[in-house]
Amino acid sequence: NGDSTAAACNTWKIFGRKNESDEWVMLDSQDSVEWSTAAQSLTFTLSNVNAYNAYMFQCSAVVNIDDTYYGGQLDMAEWKLILA
């Protein structure tokens, strides 16, 4: 997450596709992920053997603990896909 646990995405899906004409393939989904501190990094393992030319991160819920932004702000530092 970024600077705020209240604006961190906690439910998402990650998709991949090989070509622009291909359908998006769901590679992973997470639901109600709990962030304990700001600027925290978490690791999730995917069981995927295919390489893709494009990836899409789709956030469908933000923690929004304090209701400051009423779900209108997403605070995300970065996400990495690492071949293991």
PDB file of N, CA and C in Angstrom:
ATOM      1  N   ASN A   1       0.843  -1.177   0.000  1.00  0.00           N
ATOM      2  CA  ASN A   1       0.000   0.000   0.000  1.00  0.00           C
ATOM      3  C   ASN A   1       0.883   1.233   0.000  1.00  0.00           C
ATOM      4  N   GLY A   2       0.271   2.385   0.025  1.00  0.00           N
ATOM      5  CA  GLY A   2       1.017   3.635  -0.002  1.00  0.00           C
ATOM      6  C   GLY A   2       1.108   4.254   1.379  1.00  0.00           C
ATOM      7  N   ASP A   3       0.799   5.534   1.474  1.00  0.00           N
ATOM      8  CA  ASP A   3       0.947   6.276   2.726  1.00  0.00           C
ATOM      9  C   ASP A   3      -0.211   6.111   3.692  1.00  0.00           C
ATOM     10  N   SER A   4      -1.275   5.439   3.298  1.00  0.00           N
ATOM     11  CA  SER A   4      -2.457   5.363   4.145  1.00  0.00           C
ATOM     12  C   SER A   4      -3.087   3.976   4.096  1.00  0.00           C
ATOM     13  N   THR A   5      -3.292   3.366   5.265  1.00  0.00           N
ATOM     14  CA  THR A   5      -4.002   2.089   5.276  1.00  0.00           C
ATOM     15  C   THR A   5      -5.485   2.300   4.996  1.00  0.00           C
ATOM     16  N   ALA A   6      -6.005   3.500   5.272  1.00  0.00           N
ATOM     17  CA  ALA A   6      -7.420   3.773   5.032  1.00  0.00           C
ATOM     18  C   ALA A   6      -7.750   3.837   3.544  1.00  0.00           C
ATOM     19  N   ALA A   7      -6.779   4.197   2.717  1.00  0.00           N
ATOM     20  CA  ALA A   7      -7.029   4.314   1.278  1.00  0.00           C
ATOM     21  C   ALA A   7      -6.378   3.172   0.495  1.00  0.00           C
ATOM     22  N   ALA A   8      -6.032   2.083   1.176  1.00  0.00           N
ATOM     23  CA  ALA A   8      -5.384   0.943   0.517  1.00  0.00           C
ATOM     24  C   ALA A   8      -6.419   0.021  -0.111  1.00  0.00           C
ATOM     25  N   CYS A   9      -6.097  -0.485  -1.283  1.00  0.00           N
ATOM     26  CA  CYS A   9      -6.957  -1.477  -1.931  1.00  0.00           C
ATOM     27  C   CYS A   9      -6.880  -2.772  -1.124  1.00  0.00           C
ATOM     28  N   ASN A  10      -8.030  -3.355  -0.821  1.00  0.00           N
ATOM     29  CA  ASN A  10      -7.999  -4.610  -0.065  1.00  0.00           C
ATOM     30  C   ASN A  10      -8.717  -5.760  -0.772  1.00  0.00           C
ATOM     31  N   THR A  11      -9.322  -5.495  -1.911  1.00  0.00           N
ATOM     32  CA  THR A  11      -9.947  -6.543  -2.714  1.00  0.00           C
ATOM     33  C   THR A  11      -9.616  -6.265  -4.181  1.00  0.00           C
ATOM     34  N   TRP A  12      -8.985  -7.250  -4.844  1.00  0.00           N
ATOM     35  CA  TRP A  12      -8.566  -7.009  -6.219  1.00  0.00           C
ATOM     36  C   TRP A  12      -8.485  -8.294  -7.024  1.00  0.00           C
ATOM     37  N   LYS A  13      -8.322  -8.082  -8.338  1.00  0.00           N
ATOM     38  CA  LYS A  13      -8.062  -9.169  -9.287  1.00  0.00           C
ATOM     39  C   LYS A  13      -6.912  -8.728 -10.178  1.00  0.00           C
ATOM     40  N   ILE A  14      -6.104  -9.698 -10.599  1.00  0.00           N
ATOM     41  CA  ILE A  14      -5.018  -9.444 -11.540  1.00  0.00           C
ATOM     42  C   ILE A  14      -5.266 -10.305 -12.775  1.00  0.00           C
ATOM     43  N   PHE A  15      -5.172  -9.664 -13.943  1.00  0.00           N
ATOM     44  CA  PHE A  15      -5.425 -10.329 -15.217  1.00  0.00           C
ATOM     45  C   PHE A  15      -4.197 -10.215 -16.110  1.00  0.00           C
ATOM     46  N   GLY A  16      -4.088 -11.111 -17.074  1.00  0.00           N
ATOM     47  CA  GLY A  16      -3.040 -11.041 -18.080  1.00  0.00           C
ATOM     48  C   GLY A  16      -3.614 -11.376 -19.443  1.00  0.00           C
ATOM     49  N   ARG A  17      -2.948 -10.868 -20.483  1.00  0.00           N
ATOM     50  CA  ARG A  17      -3.315 -11.253 -21.853  1.00  0.00           C
ATOM     51  C   ARG A  17      -2.080 -11.170 -22.735  1.00  0.00           C
ATOM     52  N   LYS A  18      -2.034 -12.038 -23.732  1.00  0.00           N
ATOM     53  CA  LYS A  18      -0.864 -12.122 -24.604  1.00  0.00           C
ATOM     54  C   LYS A  18      -0.896 -11.081 -25.711  1.00  0.00           C
ATOM     55  N   ASN A  19      -2.057 -10.836 -26.289  1.00  0.00           N
ATOM     56  CA  ASN A  19      -2.200  -9.886 -27.398  1.00  0.00           C
ATOM     57  C   ASN A  19      -3.417  -9.004 -27.155  1.00  0.00           C
ATOM     58  N   GLU A  20      -3.449  -7.851 -27.816  1.00  0.00           N
ATOM     59  CA  GLU A  20      -4.580  -6.937 -27.641  1.00  0.00           C
ATOM     60  C   GLU A  20      -5.908  -7.551 -28.039  1.00  0.00           C
ATOM     61  N   SER A  21      -5.888  -8.502 -28.949  1.00  0.00           N
ATOM     62  CA  SER A  21      -7.137  -9.128 -29.396  1.00  0.00           C
ATOM     63  C   SER A  21      -7.590 -10.268 -28.479  1.00  0.00           C
ATOM     64  N   ASP A  22      -6.749 -10.676 -27.536  1.00  0.00           N
ATOM     65  CA  ASP A  22      -7.082 -11.775 -26.623  1.00  0.00           C
ATOM     66  C   ASP A  22      -7.953 -11.299 -25.473  1.00  0.00           C
ATOM     67  N   GLU A  23      -8.688 -12.236 -24.902  1.00  0.00           N
ATOM     68  CA  GLU A  23      -9.463 -11.966 -23.690  1.00  0.00           C
ATOM     69  C   GLU A  23      -8.520 -11.874 -22.495  1.00  0.00           C
ATOM     70  N   TRP A  24      -8.908 -11.102 -21.491  1.00  0.00           N
ATOM     71  CA  TRP A  24      -8.143 -11.050 -20.247  1.00  0.00           C
ATOM     72  C   TRP A  24      -8.350 -12.361 -19.490  1.00  0.00           C
ATOM     73  N   VAL A  25      -7.274 -12.918 -18.943  1.00  0.00           N
ATOM     74  CA  VAL A  25      -7.306 -14.151 -18.161  1.00  0.00           C
ATOM     75  C   VAL A  25      -7.040 -13.784 -16.700  1.00  0.00           C
ATOM     76  N   MET A  26      -7.930 -14.179 -15.789  1.00  0.00           N
ATOM     77  CA  MET A  26      -7.710 -13.866 -14.388  1.00  0.00           C
ATOM     78  C   MET A  26      -6.599 -14.750 -13.831  1.00  0.00           C
ATOM     79  N   LEU A  27      -5.578 -14.116 -13.250  1.00  0.00           N
ATOM     80  CA  LEU A  27      -4.428 -14.825 -12.709  1.00  0.00           C
ATOM     81  C   LEU A  27      -4.493 -14.966 -11.194  1.00  0.00           C
ATOM     82  N   ASP A  28      -5.140 -14.010 -10.536  1.00  0.00           N
ATOM     83  CA  ASP A  28      -5.208 -14.032  -9.074  1.00  0.00           C
ATOM     84  C   ASP A  28      -6.326 -13.118  -8.616  1.00  0.00           C
ATOM     85  N   SER A  29      -6.871 -13.425  -7.448  1.00  0.00           N
ATOM     86  CA  SER A  29      -7.824 -12.522  -6.797  1.00  0.00           C
ATOM     87  C   SER A  29      -7.602 -12.594  -5.292  1.00  0.00           C
ATOM     88  N   GLN A  30      -7.771 -11.479  -4.639  1.00  0.00           N
ATOM     89  CA  GLN A  30      -7.648 -11.391  -3.187  1.00  0.00           C
ATOM     90  C   GLN A  30      -8.860 -10.638  -2.670  1.00  0.00           C
ATOM     91  N   ASP A  31      -9.342 -11.050  -1.502  1.00  0.00           N
ATOM     92  CA  ASP A  31     -10.539 -10.443  -0.936  1.00  0.00           C
ATOM     93  C   ASP A  31     -10.290 -10.071   0.527  1.00  0.00           C
ATOM     94  N   SER A  32     -10.587  -8.843   0.876  1.00  0.00           N
ATOM     95  CA  SER A  32     -10.494  -8.345   2.255  1.00  0.00           C
ATOM     96  C   SER A  32      -9.094  -8.505   2.853  1.00  0.00           C
ATOM     97  N   VAL A  33      -8.087  -8.116   2.085  1.00  0.00           N
ATOM     98  CA  VAL A  33      -6.708  -8.151   2.576  1.00  0.00           C
ATOM     99  C   VAL A  33      -6.562  -7.136   3.704  1.00  0.00           C
ATOM    100  N   GLU A  34      -5.887  -7.534   4.761  1.00  0.00           N
ATOM    101  CA  GLU A  34      -5.702  -6.656   5.916  1.00  0.00           C
ATOM    102  C   GLU A  34      -4.315  -6.024   5.886  1.00  0.00           C
ATOM    103  N   TRP A  35      -4.276  -4.697   5.939  1.00  0.00           N
ATOM    104  CA  TRP A  35      -3.034  -3.933   5.998  1.00  0.00           C
ATOM    105  C   TRP A  35      -2.856  -3.461   7.437  1.00  0.00           C
ATOM    106  N   SER A  36      -1.680  -3.696   8.015  1.00  0.00           N
ATOM    107  CA  SER A  36      -1.468  -3.297   9.409  1.00  0.00           C
ATOM    108  C   SER A  36      -0.754  -1.958   9.545  1.00  0.00           C
ATOM    109  N   THR A  37       0.037  -1.565   8.536  1.00  0.00           N
ATOM    110  CA  THR A  37       0.750  -0.290   8.591  1.00  0.00           C
ATOM    111  C   THR A  37       0.804   0.333   7.204  1.00  0.00           C
ATOM    112  N   ALA A  38       1.061   1.632   7.169  1.00  0.00           N
ATOM    113  CA  ALA A  38       1.266   2.320   5.895  1.00  0.00           C
ATOM    114  C   ALA A  38       2.585   1.862   5.289  1.00  0.00           C
ATOM    115  N   ALA A  39       2.697   1.939   3.993  1.00  0.00           N
ATOM    116  CA  ALA A  39       3.897   1.559   3.240  1.00  0.00           C
ATOM    117  C   ALA A  39       4.287   0.098   3.468  1.00  0.00           C
ATOM    118  N   GLN A  40       3.331  -0.746   3.758  1.00  0.00           N
ATOM    119  CA  GLN A  40       3.577  -2.169   3.992  1.00  0.00           C
ATOM    120  C   GLN A  40       3.611  -2.916   2.664  1.00  0.00           C
ATOM    121  N   SER A  41       4.486  -3.911   2.561  1.00  0.00           N
ATOM    122  CA  SER A  41       4.544  -4.782   1.391  1.00  0.00           C
ATOM    123  C   SER A  41       4.047  -6.165   1.781  1.00  0.00           C
ATOM    124  N   LEU A  42       3.214  -6.739   0.942  1.00  0.00           N
ATOM    125  CA  LEU A  42       2.733  -8.108   1.127  1.00  0.00           C
ATOM    126  C   LEU A  42       3.093  -8.912  -0.120  1.00  0.00           C
ATOM    127  N   THR A  43       3.245 -10.215   0.032  1.00  0.00           N
ATOM    128  CA  THR A  43       3.586 -11.094  -1.088  1.00  0.00           C
ATOM    129  C   THR A  43       2.478 -12.123  -1.280  1.00  0.00           C
ATOM    130  N   PHE A  44       2.099 -12.323  -2.541  1.00  0.00           N
ATOM    131  CA  PHE A  44       1.096 -13.316  -2.899  1.00  0.00           C
ATOM    132  C   PHE A  44       1.678 -14.172  -4.016  1.00  0.00           C
ATOM    133  N   THR A  45       1.514 -15.482  -3.928  1.00  0.00           N
ATOM    134  CA  THR A  45       2.070 -16.395  -4.913  1.00  0.00           C
ATOM    135  C   THR A  45       0.977 -16.854  -5.878  1.00  0.00           C
ATOM    136  N   LEU A  46       1.282 -16.794  -7.163  1.00  0.00           N
ATOM    137  CA  LEU A  46       0.367 -17.251  -8.207  1.00  0.00           C
ATOM    138  C   LEU A  46       0.926 -18.528  -8.810  1.00  0.00           C
ATOM    139  N   SER A  47       0.062 -19.443  -9.170  1.00  0.00           N
ATOM    140  CA  SER A  47       0.519 -20.632  -9.888  1.00  0.00           C
ATOM    141  C   SER A  47       0.156 -20.456 -11.358  1.00  0.00           C
ATOM    142  N   ASN A  48       1.064 -19.823 -12.094  1.00  0.00           N
ATOM    143  CA  ASN A  48       0.842 -19.524 -13.494  1.00  0.00           C
ATOM    144  C   ASN A  48       2.122 -19.849 -14.264  1.00  0.00           C
ATOM    145  N   VAL A  49       2.009 -20.523 -15.392  1.00  0.00           N
ATOM    146  CA  VAL A  49       3.185 -20.873 -16.190  1.00  0.00           C
ATOM    147  C   VAL A  49       3.235 -20.109 -17.511  1.00  0.00           C
ATOM    148  N   ASN A  50       2.248 -19.282 -17.790  1.00  0.00           N
ATOM    149  CA  ASN A  50       2.177 -18.547 -19.052  1.00  0.00           C
ATOM    150  C   ASN A  50       2.763 -17.154 -18.920  1.00  0.00           C
ATOM    151  N   ALA A  51       3.411 -16.694 -19.978  1.00  0.00           N
ATOM    152  CA  ALA A  51       3.897 -15.313 -20.041  1.00  0.00           C
ATOM    153  C   ALA A  51       2.844 -14.469 -20.749  1.00  0.00           C
ATOM    154  N   TYR A  52       2.685 -13.240 -20.304  1.00  0.00           N
ATOM    155  CA  TYR A  52       1.719 -12.323 -20.911  1.00  0.00           C
ATOM    156  C   TYR A  52       2.424 -11.031 -21.294  1.00  0.00           C
ATOM    157  N   ASN A  53       1.895 -10.342 -22.286  1.00  0.00           N
ATOM    158  CA  ASN A  53       2.456  -9.065 -22.728  1.00  0.00           C
ATOM    159  C   ASN A  53       1.828  -7.884 -22.002  1.00  0.00           C
ATOM    160  N   ALA A  54       0.687  -8.103 -21.382  1.00  0.00           N
ATOM    161  CA  ALA A  54       0.008  -7.020 -20.665  1.00  0.00           C
ATOM    162  C   ALA A  54      -0.642  -7.584 -19.407  1.00  0.00           C
ATOM    163  N   TYR A  55      -0.638  -6.776 -18.370  1.00  0.00           N
ATOM    164  CA  TYR A  55      -1.257  -7.148 -17.092  1.00  0.00           C
ATOM    165  C   TYR A  55      -2.189  -6.029 -16.664  1.00  0.00           C
ATOM    166  N   MET A  56      -3.253  -6.398 -15.960  1.00  0.00           N
ATOM    167  CA  MET A  56      -4.208  -5.407 -15.466  1.00  0.00           C
ATOM    168  C   MET A  56      -4.492  -5.699 -13.994  1.00  0.00           C
ATOM    169  N   PHE A  57      -4.380  -4.666 -13.179  1.00  0.00           N
ATOM    170  CA  PHE A  57      -4.707  -4.738 -11.760  1.00  0.00           C
ATOM    171  C   PHE A  57      -6.051  -4.040 -11.588  1.00  0.00           C
ATOM    172  N   GLN A  58      -7.052  -4.748 -11.064  1.00  0.00           N
ATOM    173  CA  GLN A  58      -8.405  -4.197 -10.924  1.00  0.00           C
ATOM    174  C   GLN A  58      -8.782  -4.188  -9.438  1.00  0.00           C
ATOM    175  N   CYS A  59      -8.797  -3.005  -8.849  1.00  0.00           N
ATOM    176  CA  CYS A  59      -9.167  -2.845  -7.442  1.00  0.00           C
ATOM    177  C   CYS A  59     -10.675  -2.683  -7.350  1.00  0.00           C
ATOM    178  N   SER A  60     -11.320  -3.495  -6.511  1.00  0.00           N
ATOM    179  CA  SER A  60     -12.780  -3.388  -6.376  1.00  0.00           C
ATOM    180  C   SER A  60     -13.230  -2.942  -4.988  1.00  0.00           C
ATOM    181  N   ALA A  61     -12.297  -2.792  -4.031  1.00  0.00           N
ATOM    182  CA  ALA A  61     -12.662  -2.282  -2.707  1.00  0.00           C
ATOM    183  C   ALA A  61     -11.448  -1.639  -2.047  1.00  0.00           C
ATOM    184  N   VAL A  62     -11.706  -0.518  -1.387  1.00  0.00           N
ATOM    185  CA  VAL A  62     -10.682   0.218  -0.652  1.00  0.00           C
ATOM    186  C   VAL A  62     -11.037   0.143   0.819  1.00  0.00           C
ATOM    187  N   VAL A  63     -10.022  -0.015   1.685  1.00  0.00           N
ATOM    188  CA  VAL A  63     -10.262  -0.173   3.123  1.00  0.00           C
ATOM    189  C   VAL A  63     -11.128   0.955   3.668  1.00  0.00           C
ATOM    190  N   ASN A  64     -10.677   2.205   3.497  1.00  0.00           N
ATOM    191  CA  ASN A  64     -11.427   3.392   3.904  1.00  0.00           C
ATOM    192  C   ASN A  64     -11.902   3.324   5.355  1.00  0.00           C
ATOM    193  N   ILE A  65     -10.980   3.006   6.264  1.00  0.00           N
ATOM    194  CA  ILE A  65     -11.300   2.833   7.676  1.00  0.00           C
ATOM    195  C   ILE A  65     -11.935   4.069   8.294  1.00  0.00           C
ATOM    196  N   ASP A  66     -11.387   5.242   7.974  1.00  0.00           N
ATOM    197  CA  ASP A  66     -11.860   6.460   8.633  1.00  0.00           C
ATOM    198  C   ASP A  66     -12.906   7.234   7.834  1.00  0.00           C
ATOM    199  N   ASP A  67     -13.306   6.742   6.688  1.00  0.00           N
ATOM    200  CA  ASP A  67     -14.318   7.386   5.842  1.00  0.00           C
ATOM    201  C   ASP A  67     -13.951   8.804   5.418  1.00  0.00           C
ATOM    202  N   THR A  68     -12.677   9.171   5.499  1.00  0.00           N
ATOM    203  CA  THR A  68     -12.263  10.520   5.131  1.00  0.00           C
ATOM    204  C   THR A  68     -12.591  10.831   3.676  1.00  0.00           C
ATOM    205  N   TYR A  69     -12.327   9.894   2.793  1.00  0.00           N
ATOM    206  CA  TYR A  69     -12.529  10.141   1.362  1.00  0.00           C
ATOM    207  C   TYR A  69     -13.722   9.383   0.801  1.00  0.00           C
ATOM    208  N   TYR A  70     -14.476   8.720   1.640  1.00  0.00           N
ATOM    209  CA  TYR A  70     -15.688   8.002   1.232  1.00  0.00           C
ATOM    210  C   TYR A  70     -15.446   7.062   0.056  1.00  0.00           C
ATOM    211  N   GLY A  71     -14.298   6.391   0.065  1.00  0.00           N
ATOM    212  CA  GLY A  71     -13.981   5.429  -0.983  1.00  0.00           C
ATOM    213  C   GLY A  71     -13.515   6.047  -2.275  1.00  0.00           C
ATOM    214  N   GLY A  72     -13.308   7.366  -2.292  1.00  0.00           N
ATOM    215  CA  GLY A  72     -12.918   8.048  -3.518  1.00  0.00           C
ATOM    216  C   GLY A  72     -11.425   8.184  -3.714  1.00  0.00           C
ATOM    217  N   GLN A  73     -10.618   7.599  -2.838  1.00  0.00           N
ATOM    218  CA  GLN A  73      -9.176   7.693  -2.981  1.00  0.00           C
ATOM    219  C   GLN A  73      -8.550   6.318  -2.859  1.00  0.00           C
ATOM    220  N   LEU A  74      -7.618   6.028  -3.751  1.00  0.00           N
ATOM    221  CA  LEU A  74      -6.832   4.796  -3.696  1.00  0.00           C
ATOM    222  C   LEU A  74      -5.385   5.195  -3.503  1.00  0.00           C
ATOM    223  N   ASP A  75      -4.737   4.658  -2.497  1.00  0.00           N
ATOM    224  CA  ASP A  75      -3.342   4.957  -2.215  1.00  0.00           C
ATOM    225  C   ASP A  75      -2.528   3.683  -2.415  1.00  0.00           C
ATOM    226  N   MET A  76      -1.764   3.645  -3.503  1.00  0.00           N
ATOM    227  CA  MET A  76      -0.987   2.449  -3.833  1.00  0.00           C
ATOM    228  C   MET A  76       0.398   2.883  -4.288  1.00  0.00           C
ATOM    229  N   ALA A  77       1.433   2.319  -3.693  1.00  0.00           N
ATOM    230  CA  ALA A  77       2.791   2.697  -4.054  1.00  0.00           C
ATOM    231  C   ALA A  77       3.239   1.996  -5.339  1.00  0.00           C
ATOM    232  N   GLU A  78       3.137   0.675  -5.387  1.00  0.00           N
ATOM    233  CA  GLU A  78       3.530  -0.074  -6.571  1.00  0.00           C
ATOM    234  C   GLU A  78       3.115  -1.529  -6.412  1.00  0.00           C
ATOM    235  N   TRP A  79       3.114  -2.247  -7.525  1.00  0.00           N
ATOM    236  CA  TRP A  79       2.953  -3.692  -7.470  1.00  0.00           C
ATOM    237  C   TRP A  79       3.912  -4.303  -8.473  1.00  0.00           C
ATOM    238  N   LYS A  80       4.460  -5.444  -8.113  1.00  0.00           N
ATOM    239  CA  LYS A  80       5.464  -6.110  -8.933  1.00  0.00           C
ATOM    240  C   LYS A  80       5.033  -7.538  -9.225  1.00  0.00           C
ATOM    241  N   LEU A  81       5.305  -7.978 -10.430  1.00  0.00           N
ATOM    242  CA  LEU A  81       5.164  -9.385 -10.794  1.00  0.00           C
ATOM    243  C   LEU A  81       6.571  -9.935 -10.918  1.00  0.00           C
ATOM    244  N   ILE A  82       6.909 -10.913 -10.106  1.00  0.00           N
ATOM    245  CA  ILE A  82       8.265 -11.452 -10.083  1.00  0.00           C
ATOM    246  C   ILE A  82       8.213 -12.925 -10.479  1.00  0.00           C
ATOM    247  N   LEU A  83       9.028 -13.291 -11.456  1.00  0.00           N
ATOM    248  CA  LEU A  83       9.124 -14.694 -11.880  1.00  0.00           C
ATOM    249  C   LEU A  83       9.930 -15.459 -10.853  1.00  0.00           C
ATOM    250  N   ALA A  84       9.357 -16.524 -10.344  1.00  0.00           N
ATOM    251  CA  ALA A  84      10.059 -17.317  -9.332  1.00  0.00           C
ATOM    252  C   ALA A  84      10.327 -18.716  -9.828  1.00  0.00           C
TER     253      ALA A  84
END
